[in-house]
PDB file of N, CA and C in Angstrom:
ATOM      1  N   UNK A   1       0.690  -1.045   0.164  1.00  0.00           N
ATOM      2  CA  UNK A   1       0.232   0.014  -0.091  1.00  0.00           C
ATOM      3  C   UNK A   1       0.923   1.121   0.187  1.00  0.00           C
ATOM      4  N   UNK A   2       2.107   1.267   0.954  1.00  0.00           N
ATOM      5  CA  UNK A   2       2.443   2.447   1.175  1.00  0.00           C
ATOM      6  C   UNK A   2       3.776   2.759  -0.480  1.00  0.00           C
ATOM      7  N   UNK A   3       4.022   1.393  -1.049  1.00  0.00           N
ATOM      8  CA  UNK A   3       4.705   1.341  -2.265  1.00  0.00           C
ATOM      9  C   UNK A   3       3.914   1.769  -3.185  1.00  0.00           C
ATOM     10  N   UNK A   4       2.527   1.330  -3.406  1.00  0.00           N
ATOM     11  CA  UNK A   4       1.379   2.197  -4.044  1.00  0.00           C
ATOM     12  C   UNK A   4       1.512   3.670  -4.388  1.00  0.00           C
ATOM     13  N   UNK A   5       1.343   4.301  -3.036  1.00  0.00           N
ATOM     14  CA  UNK A   5       1.200   5.612  -2.634  1.00  0.00           C
ATOM     15  C   UNK A   5       2.503   6.526  -3.406  1.00  0.00           C
ATOM     16  N   UNK A   6       3.611   5.840  -2.893  1.00  0.00           N
ATOM     17  CA  UNK A   6       4.735   5.969  -3.517  1.00  0.00           C
ATOM     18  C   UNK A   6       5.145   6.197  -4.756  1.00  0.00           C
ATOM     19  N   UNK A   7       4.865   5.258  -5.420  1.00  0.00           N
ATOM     20  CA  UNK A   7       4.518   5.505  -6.789  1.00  0.00           C
ATOM     21  C   UNK A   7       3.571   6.472  -7.650  1.00  0.00           C
ATOM     22  N   UNK A   8       2.818   6.404  -7.085  1.00  0.00           N
ATOM     23  CA  UNK A   8       1.897   7.466  -7.813  1.00  0.00           C
ATOM     24  C   UNK A   8       2.162   8.858  -7.285  1.00  0.00           C
ATOM     25  N   UNK A   9       2.843   9.074  -6.098  1.00  0.00           N
ATOM     26  CA  UNK A   9       3.191  10.530  -5.925  1.00  0.00           C
ATOM     27  C   UNK A   9       4.122  10.895  -6.788  1.00  0.00           C
ATOM     28  N   UNK A  10       5.337  10.197  -6.960  1.00  0.00           N
ATOM     29  CA  UNK A  10       6.627  10.147  -7.822  1.00  0.00           C
ATOM     30  C   UNK A  10       6.453   9.877  -9.425  1.00  0.00           C
ATOM     31  N   UNK A  11       4.728   9.341  -9.684  1.00  0.00           N
ATOM     32  CA  UNK A  11       4.530   9.555 -11.095  1.00  0.00           C
ATOM     33  C   UNK A  11       4.081  11.079 -11.379  1.00  0.00           C
ATOM     34  N   UNK A  12       3.030  11.401 -10.773  1.00  0.00           N
ATOM     35  CA  UNK A  12       2.553  12.897 -10.427  1.00  0.00           C
ATOM     36  C   UNK A  12       3.938  13.929 -10.752  1.00  0.00           C
ATOM     37  N   UNK A  13       4.696  13.860 -10.162  1.00  0.00           N
ATOM     38  CA  UNK A  13       5.942  15.050  -9.482  1.00  0.00           C
ATOM     39  C   UNK A  13       6.604  14.705 -11.162  1.00  0.00           C
ATOM     40  N   UNK A  14       6.725  13.494 -11.409  1.00  0.00           N
ATOM     41  CA  UNK A  14       7.731  13.410 -13.085  1.00  0.00           C
ATOM     42  C   UNK A  14       6.799  14.155 -13.709  1.00  0.00           C
ATOM     43  N   UNK A  15       5.536  13.580 -14.175  1.00  0.00           N
ATOM     44  CA  UNK A  15       4.913  14.405 -14.626  1.00  0.00           C
ATOM     45  C   UNK A  15       4.658  16.159 -15.048  1.00  0.00           C
ATOM     46  N   UNK A  16       4.850  16.548 -13.610  1.00  0.00           N
ATOM     47  CA  UNK A  16       4.440  18.152 -13.268  1.00  0.00           C
ATOM     48  C   UNK A  16       6.037  18.493 -14.008  1.00  0.00           C
ATOM     49  N   UNK A  17       7.115  17.775 -13.371  1.00  0.00           N
ATOM     50  CA  UNK A  17       8.547  18.347 -14.318  1.00  0.00           C
ATOM     51  C   UNK A  17       8.118  18.233 -15.641  1.00  0.00           C
ATOM     52  N   UNK A  18       7.830  17.384 -16.104  1.00  0.00           N
ATOM     53  CA  UNK A  18       7.555  17.326 -17.660  1.00  0.00           C
ATOM     54  C   UNK A  18       7.245  18.343 -18.112  1.00  0.00           C
ATOM     55  N   UNK A  19       5.763  18.634 -17.800  1.00  0.00           N
ATOM     56  CA  UNK A  19       4.809  19.773 -18.494  1.00  0.00           C
ATOM     57  C   UNK A  19       5.664  20.984 -17.995  1.00  0.00           C
ATOM     58  N   UNK A  20       6.306  21.295 -17.003  1.00  0.00           N
ATOM     59  CA  UNK A  20       7.163  22.721 -16.680  1.00  0.00           C
ATOM     60  C   UNK A  20       8.354  22.539 -17.714  1.00  0.00           C
ATOM     61  N   UNK A  21       8.923  21.649 -18.016  1.00  0.00           N
ATOM     62  CA  UNK A  21      10.025  21.787 -19.376  1.00  0.00           C
ATOM     63  C   UNK A  21       9.583  21.981 -20.594  1.00  0.00           C
ATOM     64  N   UNK A  22       8.506  21.676 -20.609  1.00  0.00           N
ATOM     65  CA  UNK A  22       7.421  21.876 -22.184  1.00  0.00           C
ATOM     66  C   UNK A  22       6.928  23.288 -21.983  1.00  0.00           C
ATOM     67  N   UNK A  23       6.526  23.940 -21.192  1.00  0.00           N
ATOM     68  CA  UNK A  23       5.938  25.348 -20.750  1.00  0.00           C
ATOM     69  C   UNK A  23       7.223  26.176 -21.095  1.00  0.00           C
ATOM     70  N   UNK A  24       8.583  25.510 -20.720  1.00  0.00           N
ATOM     71  CA  UNK A  24       9.515  26.690 -20.409  1.00  0.00           C
ATOM     72  C   UNK A  24       9.763  27.027 -22.060  1.00  0.00           C
ATOM     73  N   UNK A  25       9.597  26.322 -22.783  1.00  0.00           N
ATOM     74  CA  UNK A  25       9.738  26.511 -24.100  1.00  0.00           C
ATOM     75  C   UNK A  25       9.106  27.267 -24.856  1.00  0.00           C
ATOM     76  N   UNK A  26       7.641  27.540 -24.407  1.00  0.00           N
ATOM     77  CA  UNK A  26       6.920  28.654 -24.575  1.00  0.00           C
ATOM     78  C   UNK A  26       6.998  29.898 -24.040  1.00  0.00           C
ATOM     79  N   UNK A  27       7.207  29.628 -22.927  1.00  0.00           N
ATOM     80  CA  UNK A  27       7.545  31.239 -21.777  1.00  0.00           C
ATOM     81  C   UNK A  27       8.679  31.471 -21.956  1.00  0.00           C
ATOM     82  N   UNK A  28       9.973  31.038 -22.107  1.00  0.00           N
ATOM     83  CA  UNK A  28      11.400  31.483 -22.503  1.00  0.00           C
ATOM     84  C   UNK A  28      11.055  32.497 -23.471  1.00  0.00           C
ATOM     85  N   UNK A  29      11.153  32.214 -24.626  1.00  0.00           N
ATOM     86  CA  UNK A  29      11.375  33.123 -26.084  1.00  0.00           C
ATOM     87  C   UNK A  29      10.394  34.372 -25.761  1.00  0.00           C
ATOM     88  N   UNK A  30       9.124  33.938 -25.260  1.00  0.00           N
ATOM     89  CA  UNK A  30       8.171  35.225 -25.146  1.00  0.00           C
ATOM     90  C   UNK A  30       7.977  35.733 -23.902  1.00  0.00           C
ATOM     91  N   UNK A  31       9.095  36.173 -23.395  1.00  0.00           N
ATOM     92  CA  UNK A  31       8.743  36.223 -21.974  1.00  0.00           C
ATOM     93  C   UNK A  31       8.306  37.652 -21.563  1.00  0.00           C
ATOM     94  N   UNK A  32       8.296  38.697 -22.527  1.00  0.00           N
ATOM     95  CA  UNK A  32       7.695  39.880 -22.277  1.00  0.00           C
ATOM     96  C   UNK A  32       6.396  39.893 -22.978  1.00  0.00           C
ATOM     97  N   UNK A  33       6.140  38.991 -23.513  1.00  0.00           N
ATOM     98  CA  UNK A  33       4.749  38.850 -23.703  1.00  0.00           C
ATOM     99  C   UNK A  33       3.687  37.468 -23.586  1.00  0.00           C
ATOM    100  N   UNK A  34       4.712  36.981 -22.555  1.00  0.00           N
ATOM    101  CA  UNK A  34       3.900  35.661 -22.018  1.00  0.00           C
ATOM    102  C   UNK A  34       3.351  35.829 -20.716  1.00  0.00           C
ATOM    103  N   UNK A  35       2.322  36.992 -20.698  1.00  0.00           N
ATOM    104  CA  UNK A  35       1.731  37.582 -19.443  1.00  0.00           C
ATOM    105  C   UNK A  35       0.753  36.860 -19.155  1.00  0.00           C
ATOM    106  N   UNK A  36       0.251  35.867 -20.025  1.00  0.00           N
ATOM    107  CA  UNK A  36      -1.085  35.332 -20.131  1.00  0.00           C
ATOM    108  C   UNK A  36      -1.333  33.990 -19.154  1.00  0.00           C
ATOM    109  N   UNK A  37      -2.155  33.134 -19.417  1.00  0.00           N
ATOM    110  CA  UNK A  37      -2.395  31.892 -18.569  1.00  0.00           C
ATOM    111  C   UNK A  37      -1.180  30.959 -18.575  1.00  0.00           C
ATOM    112  N   UNK A  38      -0.650  31.266 -19.818  1.00  0.00           N
ATOM    113  CA  UNK A  38       0.946  29.811 -19.750  1.00  0.00           C
ATOM    114  C   UNK A  38       1.833  30.562 -18.834  1.00  0.00           C
ATOM    115  N   UNK A  39       2.003  31.747 -19.096  1.00  0.00           N
ATOM    116  CA  UNK A  39       3.392  32.312 -17.868  1.00  0.00           C
ATOM    117  C   UNK A  39       2.673  31.862 -16.353  1.00  0.00           C
ATOM    118  N   UNK A  40       1.558  32.368 -16.327  1.00  0.00           N
ATOM    119  CA  UNK A  40       1.197  32.006 -14.546  1.00  0.00           C
ATOM    120  C   UNK A  40       0.983  30.526 -14.364  1.00  0.00           C
ATOM    121  N   UNK A  41       0.910  29.624 -15.196  1.00  0.00           N
ATOM    122  CA  UNK A  41       0.784  28.046 -15.354  1.00  0.00           C
ATOM    123  C   UNK A  41       2.343  27.807 -14.701  1.00  0.00           C
ATOM    124  N   UNK A  42       3.155  28.134 -15.409  1.00  0.00           N
ATOM    125  CA  UNK A  42       4.723  27.963 -15.550  1.00  0.00           C
ATOM    126  C   UNK A  42       5.203  28.546 -14.153  1.00  0.00           C
ATOM    127  N   UNK A  43       4.756  30.056 -14.017  1.00  0.00           N
ATOM    128  CA  UNK A  43       5.195  30.506 -12.752  1.00  0.00           C
ATOM    129  C   UNK A  43       4.534  29.082 -11.363  1.00  0.00           C
ATOM    130  N   UNK A  44       3.578  29.295 -11.317  1.00  0.00           N
ATOM    131  CA  UNK A  44       2.987  28.397 -10.275  1.00  0.00           C
ATOM    132  C   UNK A  44       3.735  27.069 -10.187  1.00  0.00           C
ATOM    133  N   UNK A  45       3.822  25.914 -11.054  1.00  0.00           N
ATOM    134  CA  UNK A  45       4.719  25.043 -11.227  1.00  0.00           C
ATOM    135  C   UNK A  45       5.840  25.321 -10.717  1.00  0.00           C
ATOM    136  N   UNK A  46       6.823  26.324 -10.914  1.00  0.00           N
ATOM    137  CA  UNK A  46       8.176  26.650 -11.055  1.00  0.00           C
ATOM    138  C   UNK A  46       8.184  26.663  -9.532  1.00  0.00           C
ATOM    139  N   UNK A  47       7.642  27.477  -8.913  1.00  0.00           N
ATOM    140  CA  UNK A  47       7.244  27.561  -7.652  1.00  0.00           C
ATOM    141  C   UNK A  47       7.095  26.064  -6.657  1.00  0.00           C
ATOM    142  N   UNK A  48       6.363  25.559  -6.991  1.00  0.00           N
ATOM    143  CA  UNK A  48       5.968  24.247  -6.436  1.00  0.00           C
ATOM    144  C   UNK A  48       7.491  23.137  -6.600  1.00  0.00           C
ATOM    145  N   UNK A  49       7.828  23.289  -8.058  1.00  0.00           N
ATOM    146  CA  UNK A  49       8.980  22.138  -8.301  1.00  0.00           C
ATOM    147  C   UNK A  49      10.699  22.825  -7.503  1.00  0.00           C
ATOM    148  N   UNK A  50      10.526  24.289  -7.376  1.00  0.00           N
ATOM    149  CA  UNK A  50      11.844  24.835  -6.836  1.00  0.00           C
ATOM    150  C   UNK A  50      12.547  23.949  -5.658  1.00  0.00           C
ATOM    151  N   UNK A  51      11.680  23.363  -4.901  1.00  0.00           N
ATOM    152  CA  UNK A  51      12.507  22.767  -3.832  1.00  0.00           C
ATOM    153  C   UNK A  51      12.676  21.191  -4.489  1.00  0.00           C
ATOM    154  N   UNK A  52      12.273  20.607  -5.157  1.00  0.00           N
ATOM    155  CA  UNK A  52      12.451  19.506  -5.696  1.00  0.00           C
ATOM    156  C   UNK A  52      13.699  19.844  -6.631  1.00  0.00           C
ATOM    157  N   UNK A  53      13.904  20.723  -7.498  1.00  0.00           N
ATOM    158  CA  UNK A  53      14.774  20.654  -8.612  1.00  0.00           C
ATOM    159  C   UNK A  53      16.198  21.230  -8.005  1.00  0.00           C
ATOM    160  N   UNK A  54      15.978  22.184  -6.820  1.00  0.00           N
ATOM    161  CA  UNK A  54      16.728  22.593  -6.147  1.00  0.00           C
ATOM    162  C   UNK A  54      18.304  21.707  -6.081  1.00  0.00           C
ATOM    163  N   UNK A  55      18.406  20.683  -5.473  1.00  0.00           N
ATOM    164  CA  UNK A  55      19.476  20.073  -5.312  1.00  0.00           C
ATOM    165  C   UNK A  55      20.118  19.775  -6.540  1.00  0.00           C
ATOM    166  N   UNK A  56      19.387  19.267  -7.764  1.00  0.00           N
ATOM    167  CA  UNK A  56      20.087  18.932  -8.597  1.00  0.00           C
ATOM    168  C   UNK A  56      20.688  20.527  -9.781  1.00  0.00           C
ATOM    169  N   UNK A  57      20.093  21.508  -9.521  1.00  0.00           N
ATOM    170  CA  UNK A  57      20.855  23.064  -9.481  1.00  0.00           C
ATOM    171  C   UNK A  57      21.958  22.990  -8.910  1.00  0.00           C
ATOM    172  N   UNK A  58      21.948  22.648  -7.472  1.00  0.00           N
ATOM    173  CA  UNK A  58      23.163  22.819  -7.455  1.00  0.00           C
ATOM    174  C   UNK A  58      24.134  22.072  -7.717  1.00  0.00           C
ATOM    175  N   UNK A  59      24.056  20.892  -8.173  1.00  0.00           N
ATOM    176  CA  UNK A  59      25.230  19.796  -8.501  1.00  0.00           C
ATOM    177  C   UNK A  59      25.691  20.268  -9.627  1.00  0.00           C
ATOM    178  N   UNK A  60      24.646  20.822 -10.818  1.00  0.00           N
ATOM    179  CA  UNK A  60      24.681  21.024 -12.187  1.00  0.00           C
ATOM    180  C   UNK A  60      25.416  22.507 -12.069  1.00  0.00           C
ATOM    181  N   UNK A  61      25.394  23.241 -10.845  1.00  0.00           N
ATOM    182  CA  UNK A  61      26.006  24.612 -10.727  1.00  0.00           C
ATOM    183  C   UNK A  61      27.451  24.494 -11.240  1.00  0.00           C
ATOM    184  N   UNK A  62      28.008  23.544 -10.916  1.00  0.00           N
ATOM    185  CA  UNK A  62      29.526  23.116 -10.823  1.00  0.00           C
ATOM    186  C   UNK A  62      30.138  22.892 -12.223  1.00  0.00           C
ATOM    187  N   UNK A  63      29.309  22.259 -13.295  1.00  0.00           N
ATOM    188  CA  UNK A  63      29.647  21.702 -14.268  1.00  0.00           C
ATOM    189  C   UNK A  63      29.019  23.249 -15.690  1.00  0.00           C
ATOM    190  N   UNK A  64      29.882  23.256 -16.275  1.00  0.00           N
ATOM    191  CA  UNK A  64      29.613  24.216 -17.025  1.00  0.00           C
ATOM    192  C   UNK A  64      28.364  23.383 -18.263  1.00  0.00           C
ATOM    193  N   UNK A  65      27.220  23.804 -18.177  1.00  0.00           N
ATOM    194  CA  UNK A  65      26.202  23.324 -19.208  1.00  0.00           C
ATOM    195  C   UNK A  65      25.799  24.131 -19.894  1.00  0.00           C
ATOM    196  N   UNK A  66      26.774  25.369 -20.194  1.00  0.00           N
ATOM    197  CA  UNK A  66      25.833  26.596 -21.199  1.00  0.00           C
ATOM    198  C   UNK A  66      24.736  26.937 -20.722  1.00  0.00           C
ATOM    199  N   UNK A  67      24.327  27.423 -21.740  1.00  0.00           N
ATOM    200  CA  UNK A  67      22.779  28.254 -21.467  1.00  0.00           C
ATOM    201  C   UNK A  67      21.552  27.087 -21.344  1.00  0.00           C
ATOM    202  N   UNK A  68      21.963  25.808 -21.124  1.00  0.00           N
ATOM    203  CA  UNK A  68      20.977  24.842 -21.224  1.00  0.00           C
ATOM    204  C   UNK A  68      20.763  24.511 -19.562  1.00  0.00           C
ATOM    205  N   UNK A  69      19.752  24.139 -19.205  1.00  0.00           N
ATOM    206  CA  UNK A  69      19.372  24.125 -17.544  1.00  0.00           C
ATOM    207  C   UNK A  69      18.964  22.098 -17.685  1.00  0.00           C
ATOM    208  N   UNK A  70      19.939  21.623 -17.276  1.00  0.00           N
ATOM    209  CA  UNK A  70      19.387  19.949 -17.280  1.00  0.00           C
ATOM    210  C   UNK A  70      19.043  19.738 -15.891  1.00  0.00           C
ATOM    211  N   UNK A  71      18.651  20.372 -15.029  1.00  0.00           N
ATOM    212  CA  UNK A  71      18.312  20.215 -13.534  1.00  0.00           C
ATOM    213  C   UNK A  71      16.911  19.443 -13.851  1.00  0.00           C
ATOM    214  N   UNK A  72      15.937  19.816 -14.612  1.00  0.00           N
ATOM    215  CA  UNK A  72      14.719  19.295 -14.394  1.00  0.00           C
ATOM    216  C   UNK A  72      15.137  17.323 -15.131  1.00  0.00           C
ATOM    217  N   UNK A  73      15.989  17.512 -15.987  1.00  0.00           N
ATOM    218  CA  UNK A  73      16.128  16.501 -16.465  1.00  0.00           C
ATOM    219  C   UNK A  73      16.534  15.279 -15.235  1.00  0.00           C
ATOM    220  N   UNK A  74      17.807  15.959 -14.888  1.00  0.00           N
ATOM    221  CA  UNK A  74      18.154  15.036 -13.752  1.00  0.00           C
ATOM    222  C   UNK A  74      17.638  14.726 -12.728  1.00  0.00           C
ATOM    223  N   UNK A  75      16.369  15.546 -12.155  1.00  0.00           N
ATOM    224  CA  UNK A  75      15.154  15.494 -10.843  1.00  0.00           C
ATOM    225  C   UNK A  75      14.439  14.241 -11.631  1.00  0.00           C
ATOM    226  N   UNK A  76      14.144  14.050 -12.886  1.00  0.00           N
ATOM    227  CA  UNK A  76      13.355  13.349 -13.159  1.00  0.00           C
ATOM    228  C   UNK A  76      14.101  11.703 -13.601  1.00  0.00           C
ATOM    229  N   UNK A  77      15.227  11.686 -13.864  1.00  0.00           N
ATOM    230  CA  UNK A  77      16.027  10.749 -13.865  1.00  0.00           C
ATOM    231  C   UNK A  77      15.921  10.322 -12.356  1.00  0.00           C
ATOM    232  N   UNK A  78      16.421  10.917 -11.591  1.00  0.00           N
ATOM    233  CA  UNK A  78      16.162  10.741  -9.903  1.00  0.00           C
ATOM    234  C   UNK A  78      15.085  10.167  -9.453  1.00  0.00           C
ATOM    235  N   UNK A  79      14.003  10.746 -10.004  1.00  0.00           N
ATOM    236  CA  UNK A  79      12.503  10.168  -9.631  1.00  0.00           C
ATOM    237  C   UNK A  79      12.107   9.175 -10.007  1.00  0.00           C
ATOM    238  N   UNK A  80      12.639   9.016 -11.082  1.00  0.00           N
ATOM    239  CA  UNK A  80      12.359   7.364 -11.691  1.00  0.00           C
ATOM    240  C   UNK A  80      13.305   6.612 -11.037  1.00  0.00           C
ATOM    241  N   UNK A  81      14.412   6.805 -10.609  1.00  0.00           N
ATOM    242  CA  UNK A  81      15.542   5.795 -10.104  1.00  0.00           C
ATOM    243  C   UNK A  81      14.885   5.137  -8.609  1.00  0.00           C
ATOM    244  N   UNK A  82      14.285   6.347  -7.932  1.00  0.00           N
ATOM    245  CA  UNK A  82      13.975   6.177  -6.757  1.00  0.00           C
ATOM    246  C   UNK A  82      12.426   5.516  -6.770  1.00  0.00           C
ATOM    247  N   UNK A  83      11.507   5.645  -7.621  1.00  0.00           N
ATOM    248  CA  UNK A  83      10.441   5.113  -7.652  1.00  0.00           C
ATOM    249  C   UNK A  83      10.862   3.689  -7.723  1.00  0.00           C
ATOM    250  N   UNK A  84      11.614   3.321  -9.069  1.00  0.00           N
ATOM    251  CA  UNK A  84      12.024   1.517  -8.986  1.00  0.00           C
ATOM    252  C   UNK A  84      12.801   0.945  -8.064  1.00  0.00           C
ATOM    253  N   UNK A  85      13.389   1.890  -7.074  1.00  0.00           N
ATOM    254  CA  UNK A  85      13.684   1.480  -6.055  1.00  0.00           C
ATOM    255  C   UNK A  85      12.737   0.719  -5.140  1.00  0.00           C
ATOM    256  N   UNK A  86      11.842   1.949  -5.036  1.00  0.00           N
ATOM    257  CA  UNK A  86      10.717   1.510  -3.719  1.00  0.00           C
ATOM    258  C   UNK A  86      10.000   0.332  -4.544  1.00  0.00           C
ATOM    259  N   UNK A  87       9.753   0.315  -5.948  1.00  0.00           N
ATOM    260  CA  UNK A  87       8.621  -0.822  -6.248  1.00  0.00           C
ATOM    261  C   UNK A  87       9.462  -2.466  -6.179  1.00  0.00           C
ATOM    262  N   UNK A  88      10.824  -2.390  -6.319  1.00  0.00           N
ATOM    263  CA  UNK A  88      11.306  -3.491  -6.227  1.00  0.00           C
ATOM    264  C   UNK A  88      11.662  -3.948  -4.736  1.00  0.00           C
ATOM    265  N   UNK A  89      11.950  -2.958  -3.758  1.00  0.00           N
ATOM    266  CA  UNK A  89      11.479  -3.177  -2.545  1.00  0.00           C
ATOM    267  C   UNK A  89      10.428  -3.694  -1.879  1.00  0.00           C
ATOM    268  N   UNK A  90       9.487  -3.147  -2.360  1.00  0.00           N
ATOM    269  CA  UNK A  90       7.882  -3.590  -2.011  1.00  0.00           C
ATOM    270  C   UNK A  90       7.243  -4.944  -2.528  1.00  0.00           C
TER     271      UNK A  90
END
């Protein structure tokens, strides 16, 4: 039962991070004009996911990745790994 709940929570977090990455494609180039719903959704998701992605940002700050931000990708990989470990243990 606990493994099922952890699985659902980690899947939801993974999808939220994927949605944030996709929305960043639309908000990034149009920062001045993106004051509508997409920017508000992106801002809300970013506020929610910042504590989750912060460790990955701290790790990647030591590596020169140029203009690309791989923290969402690294966080998604970490969540998938944790989910797999929890499901194999249970």
